[in-house]
Amino acid sequence: MKNMTNGYYAVCLDKQYCDTIRKTATMDVVRSDHITISYKPDTSTKDRLSKLIGKRVNVHINEFRANDNIEAFWVESMFYDSYSLTTNEKELLRVDSGAPHITISHKTGIKPNEAGTMFTNPTRQEKKVGYVEGTFKWIEFKKRK
């Protein structure tokens, strides 16, 4: 089994949604492709989330937030197919601290994990209602040479 602590779990957006979100980017480095759920998870989190790999996820967006360095869509809610007897969908929540979001773009030299400043102190905040879909995946960090 792969080392499932050297990476992150994310909802990887379908190409059509990535392409649409990329069109809204105004900064140098364009992301627009995923929602982080758990970054470098511990063993307990890994055991729980690994069961969701491959699940389809519906994502509801309710806001756009930005500052001088980074811009993103705020995720209101996420649901995946649970195929239980009582409901077809189950809510997916971010495990780490921080708000679930889709980083649209950021300036060169800014790390994506600096998105927290955008949510606590945005210089631009607009109501934006939207919907995207993706697949729950494990993204392993690439080894540097």
C-alpha atoms as a PDB file:
ATOM      1  CA  MET A   1       0.000   0.000   0.000  1.00  0.00           C
ATOM      2  CA  LYS A   2       1.188   3.511  -0.803  1.00  0.00           C
ATOM      3  CA  ASN A   3       2.347   5.873   1.922  1.00  0.00           C
ATOM      4  CA  MET A   4      -0.995   7.624   2.388  1.00  0.00           C
ATOM      5  CA  THR A   5       0.322  10.356   4.691  1.00  0.00           C
ATOM      6  CA  ASN A   6       2.630  12.074   2.199  1.00  0.00           C
ATOM      7  CA  GLY A   7      -0.047  13.814   0.177  1.00  0.00           C
ATOM      8  CA  TYR A   8      -3.623  14.937   0.470  1.00  0.00           C
ATOM      9  CA  TYR A   9      -7.216  13.903  -0.124  1.00  0.00           C
ATOM     10  CA  ALA A  10      -9.157  16.146  -2.464  1.00  0.00           C
ATOM     11  CA  VAL A  11     -12.210  16.470  -4.634  1.00  0.00           C
ATOM     12  CA  CYS A  12     -10.661  16.700  -8.103  1.00  0.00           C
ATOM     13  CA  LEU A  13     -12.989  18.659 -10.331  1.00  0.00           C
ATOM     14  CA  ASP A  14     -14.126  17.381 -13.719  1.00  0.00           C
ATOM     15  CA  LYS A  15     -12.314  19.008 -16.652  1.00  0.00           C
ATOM     16  CA  GLN A  16     -15.366  20.949 -17.834  1.00  0.00           C
ATOM     17  CA  TYR A  17     -15.699  22.640 -14.428  1.00  0.00           C
ATOM     18  CA  CYS A  18     -11.952  23.328 -14.198  1.00  0.00           C
ATOM     19  CA  ASP A  19     -12.095  24.994 -17.616  1.00  0.00           C
ATOM     20  CA  THR A  20     -15.046  27.175 -16.578  1.00  0.00           C
ATOM     21  CA  ILE A  21     -13.416  28.230 -13.291  1.00  0.00           C
ATOM     22  CA  ARG A  22     -10.088  28.986 -15.023  1.00  0.00           C
ATOM     23  CA  LYS A  23     -11.859  31.599 -17.139  1.00  0.00           C
ATOM     24  CA  THR A  24     -12.424  33.673 -13.983  1.00  0.00           C
ATOM     25  CA  ALA A  25      -8.714  33.723 -13.009  1.00  0.00           C
ATOM     26  CA  THR A  26      -7.036  37.145 -12.869  1.00  0.00           C
ATOM     27  CA  MET A  27      -3.654  36.240 -11.335  1.00  0.00           C
ATOM     28  CA  ASP A  28      -0.462  34.598 -12.641  1.00  0.00           C
ATOM     29  CA  VAL A  29      -0.682  31.060 -11.255  1.00  0.00           C
ATOM     30  CA  VAL A  30      -3.975  29.380 -12.178  1.00  0.00           C
ATOM     31  CA  ARG A  31      -5.197  26.419 -10.065  1.00  0.00           C
ATOM     32  CA  SER A  32      -8.971  25.850 -10.307  1.00  0.00           C
ATOM     33  CA  ASP A  33      -8.849  22.066 -10.159  1.00  0.00           C
ATOM     34  CA  HIS A  34      -9.520  20.716  -6.647  1.00  0.00           C
ATOM     35  CA  ILE A  35     -10.841  21.155  -3.105  1.00  0.00           C
ATOM     36  CA  THR A  36      -8.500  19.929  -0.377  1.00  0.00           C
ATOM     37  CA  ILE A  37     -10.240  17.748   2.207  1.00  0.00           C
ATOM     38  CA  SER A  38      -7.274  16.573   4.297  1.00  0.00           C
ATOM     39  CA  TYR A  39      -3.605  17.572   3.947  1.00  0.00           C
ATOM     40  CA  LYS A  40      -1.005  15.039   5.181  1.00  0.00           C
ATOM     41  CA  PRO A  41      -3.624  13.027   7.097  1.00  0.00           C
ATOM     42  CA  ASP A  42      -2.891  11.010  10.201  1.00  0.00           C
ATOM     43  CA  THR A  43      -3.568   7.256  10.235  1.00  0.00           C
ATOM     44  CA  SER A  44      -7.084   7.559  11.638  1.00  0.00           C
ATOM     45  CA  THR A  45      -8.099  10.095   8.977  1.00  0.00           C
ATOM     46  CA  LYS A  46      -6.441   8.001   6.280  1.00  0.00           C
ATOM     47  CA  ASP A  47      -8.392   4.918   7.314  1.00  0.00           C
ATOM     48  CA  ARG A  48     -11.689   6.799   7.232  1.00  0.00           C
ATOM     49  CA  LEU A  49     -11.152   8.746   3.988  1.00  0.00           C
ATOM     50  CA  SER A  50      -9.523   6.023   1.896  1.00  0.00           C
ATOM     51  CA  LYS A  51     -12.950   4.347   1.696  1.00  0.00           C
ATOM     52  CA  LEU A  52     -14.244   7.353  -0.271  1.00  0.00           C
ATOM     53  CA  ILE A  53     -11.692   7.207  -3.083  1.00  0.00           C
ATOM     54  CA  GLY A  54     -13.491   7.148  -6.420  1.00  0.00           C
ATOM     55  CA  LYS A  55     -16.773   8.550  -5.068  1.00  0.00           C
ATOM     56  CA  ARG A  56     -18.506  11.240  -7.130  1.00  0.00           C
ATOM     57  CA  VAL A  57     -18.940  14.528  -5.253  1.00  0.00           C
ATOM     58  CA  ASN A  58     -21.429  17.349  -5.874  1.00  0.00           C
ATOM     59  CA  VAL A  59     -20.159  20.759  -4.768  1.00  0.00           C
ATOM     60  CA  HIS A  60     -22.205  23.891  -4.095  1.00  0.00           C
ATOM     61  CA  ILE A  61     -20.392  27.244  -4.253  1.00  0.00           C
ATOM     62  CA  ASN A  62     -21.843  30.318  -2.574  1.00  0.00           C
ATOM     63  CA  GLU A  63     -19.186  33.020  -2.608  1.00  0.00           C
ATOM     64  CA  PHE A  64     -16.133  34.502  -4.318  1.00  0.00           C
ATOM     65  CA  ARG A  65     -13.401  35.894  -2.064  1.00  0.00           C
ATOM     66  CA  ALA A  66     -10.099  37.524  -2.926  1.00  0.00           C
ATOM     67  CA  ASN A  67      -7.326  39.753  -1.685  1.00  0.00           C
ATOM     68  CA  ASP A  68      -4.293  41.218  -3.450  1.00  0.00           C
ATOM     69  CA  ASN A  69      -2.548  37.813  -3.624  1.00  0.00           C
ATOM     70  CA  ILE A  70      -5.113  35.053  -4.084  1.00  0.00           C
ATOM     71  CA  GLU A  71      -8.690  34.417  -5.218  1.00  0.00           C
ATOM     72  CA  ALA A  72     -11.058  31.504  -4.619  1.00  0.00           C
ATOM     73  CA  PHE A  73     -14.603  30.221  -4.576  1.00  0.00           C
ATOM     74  CA  TRP A  74     -16.010  29.428  -1.130  1.00  0.00           C
ATOM     75  CA  VAL A  75     -17.619  25.989  -0.915  1.00  0.00           C
ATOM     76  CA  GLU A  76     -20.959  25.974   0.875  1.00  0.00           C
ATOM     77  CA  SER A  77     -21.486  22.196   0.861  1.00  0.00           C
ATOM     78  CA  MET A  78     -20.319  18.920  -0.682  1.00  0.00           C
ATOM     79  CA  PHE A  79     -22.193  15.632  -0.993  1.00  0.00           C
ATOM     80  CA  TYR A  80     -21.141  12.201  -2.242  1.00  0.00           C
ATOM     81  CA  ASP A  81     -23.140   9.111  -3.167  1.00  0.00           C
ATOM     82  CA  SER A  82     -23.391   6.919  -0.101  1.00  0.00           C
ATOM     83  CA  TYR A  83     -25.830   4.313  -1.449  1.00  0.00           C
ATOM     84  CA  SER A  84     -27.281   3.813   2.017  1.00  0.00           C
ATOM     85  CA  LEU A  85     -30.820   2.651   2.682  1.00  0.00           C
ATOM     86  CA  THR A  86     -31.900   6.005   4.132  1.00  0.00           C
ATOM     87  CA  THR A  87     -30.361   8.508   1.712  1.00  0.00           C
ATOM     88  CA  ASN A  88     -28.452   8.593  -1.531  1.00  0.00           C
ATOM     89  CA  GLU A  89     -26.145  11.407  -0.475  1.00  0.00           C
ATOM     90  CA  LYS A  90     -23.913  12.035   2.499  1.00  0.00           C
ATOM     91  CA  GLU A  91     -22.253  15.345   3.331  1.00  0.00           C
ATOM     92  CA  LEU A  92     -18.492  15.575   2.861  1.00  0.00           C
ATOM     93  CA  LEU A  93     -16.687  17.942   5.219  1.00  0.00           C
ATOM     94  CA  ARG A  94     -13.155  19.258   5.202  1.00  0.00           C
ATOM     95  CA  VAL A  95     -11.112  17.438   7.842  1.00  0.00           C
ATOM     96  CA  ASP A  96      -8.345  20.016   8.286  1.00  0.00           C
ATOM     97  CA  SER A  97      -8.736  23.462   9.741  1.00  0.00           C
ATOM     98  CA  GLY A  98      -9.700  26.062   7.216  1.00  0.00           C
ATOM     99  CA  ALA A  99     -12.647  26.526   4.947  1.00  0.00           C
ATOM    100  CA  PRO A 100     -13.309  24.311   1.946  1.00  0.00           C
ATOM    101  CA  HIS A 101     -12.579  26.326  -1.189  1.00  0.00           C
ATOM    102  CA  ILE A 102     -11.437  26.158  -4.789  1.00  0.00           C
ATOM    103  CA  THR A 103      -8.337  28.280  -5.294  1.00  0.00           C
ATOM    104  CA  ILE A 104      -8.854  30.008  -8.626  1.00  0.00           C
ATOM    105  CA  SER A 105      -5.470  31.701  -8.967  1.00  0.00           C
ATOM    106  CA  HIS A 106      -2.741  33.456  -7.008  1.00  0.00           C
ATOM    107  CA  LYS A 107       0.261  35.676  -7.623  1.00  0.00           C
ATOM    108  CA  THR A 108       3.661  34.154  -8.330  1.00  0.00           C
ATOM    109  CA  GLY A 109       5.535  33.445  -5.113  1.00  0.00           C
ATOM    110  CA  ILE A 110       2.385  33.076  -3.014  1.00  0.00           C
ATOM    111  CA  LYS A 111       1.770  29.604  -1.619  1.00  0.00           C
ATOM    112  CA  PRO A 112      -1.777  28.222  -2.009  1.00  0.00           C
ATOM    113  CA  ASN A 113      -1.913  27.490   1.727  1.00  0.00           C
ATOM    114  CA  GLU A 114      -1.979  31.252   2.270  1.00  0.00           C
ATOM    115  CA  ALA A 115      -5.636  31.135   1.224  1.00  0.00           C
ATOM    116  CA  GLY A 116      -6.618  31.463   4.882  1.00  0.00           C
ATOM    117  CA  THR A 117      -5.840  35.183   4.795  1.00  0.00           C
ATOM    118  CA  MET A 118      -8.268  35.586   1.933  1.00  0.00           C
ATOM    119  CA  PHE A 119     -11.098  34.146   4.012  1.00  0.00           C
ATOM    120  CA  THR A 120     -10.349  36.022   7.221  1.00  0.00           C
ATOM    121  CA  ASN A 121      -9.489  39.345   5.587  1.00  0.00           C
ATOM    122  CA  PRO A 122     -10.810  39.494   2.009  1.00  0.00           C
ATOM    123  CA  THR A 123     -10.584  42.764   0.125  1.00  0.00           C
ATOM    124  CA  ARG A 124     -13.226  41.503  -2.283  1.00  0.00           C
ATOM    125  CA  GLN A 125     -16.227  39.371  -1.366  1.00  0.00           C
ATOM    126  CA  GLU A 126     -19.180  38.643  -3.648  1.00  0.00           C
ATOM    127  CA  LYS A 127     -22.147  36.310  -3.521  1.00  0.00           C
ATOM    128  CA  LYS A 128     -21.653  33.710  -6.287  1.00  0.00           C
ATOM    129  CA  VAL A 129     -23.915  30.716  -6.573  1.00  0.00           C
ATOM    130  CA  GLY A 130     -22.591  27.766  -8.516  1.00  0.00           C
ATOM    131  CA  TYR A 131     -22.300  24.028  -8.813  1.00  0.00           C
ATOM    132  CA  VAL A 132     -19.385  21.799  -9.810  1.00  0.00           C
ATOM    133  CA  GLU A 133     -18.694  18.066  -9.709  1.00  0.00           C
ATOM    134  CA  GLY A 134     -15.633  15.955  -9.147  1.00  0.00           C
ATOM    135  CA  THR A 135     -14.169  12.707  -7.880  1.00  0.00           C
ATOM    136  CA  PHE A 136     -12.669  12.046  -4.451  1.00  0.00           C
ATOM    137  CA  LYS A 137      -8.974  11.144  -4.837  1.00  0.00           C
ATOM    138  CA  TRP A 138      -5.671  10.714  -3.042  1.00  0.00           C
ATOM    139  CA  ILE A 139      -2.935  12.991  -4.440  1.00  0.00           C
ATOM    140  CA  GLU A 140       0.552  11.846  -3.534  1.00  0.00           C
ATOM    141  CA  PHE A 141       3.323  14.451  -3.361  1.00  0.00           C
ATOM    142  CA  LYS A 142       5.867  14.061  -6.119  1.00  0.00           C
ATOM    143  CA  LYS A 143       9.404  13.351  -5.004  1.00  0.00           C
ATOM    144  CA  ARG A 144      11.874  16.143  -5.778  1.00  0.00           C
ATOM    145  CA  LYS A 145      15.121  15.224  -7.449  1.00  0.00           C
END
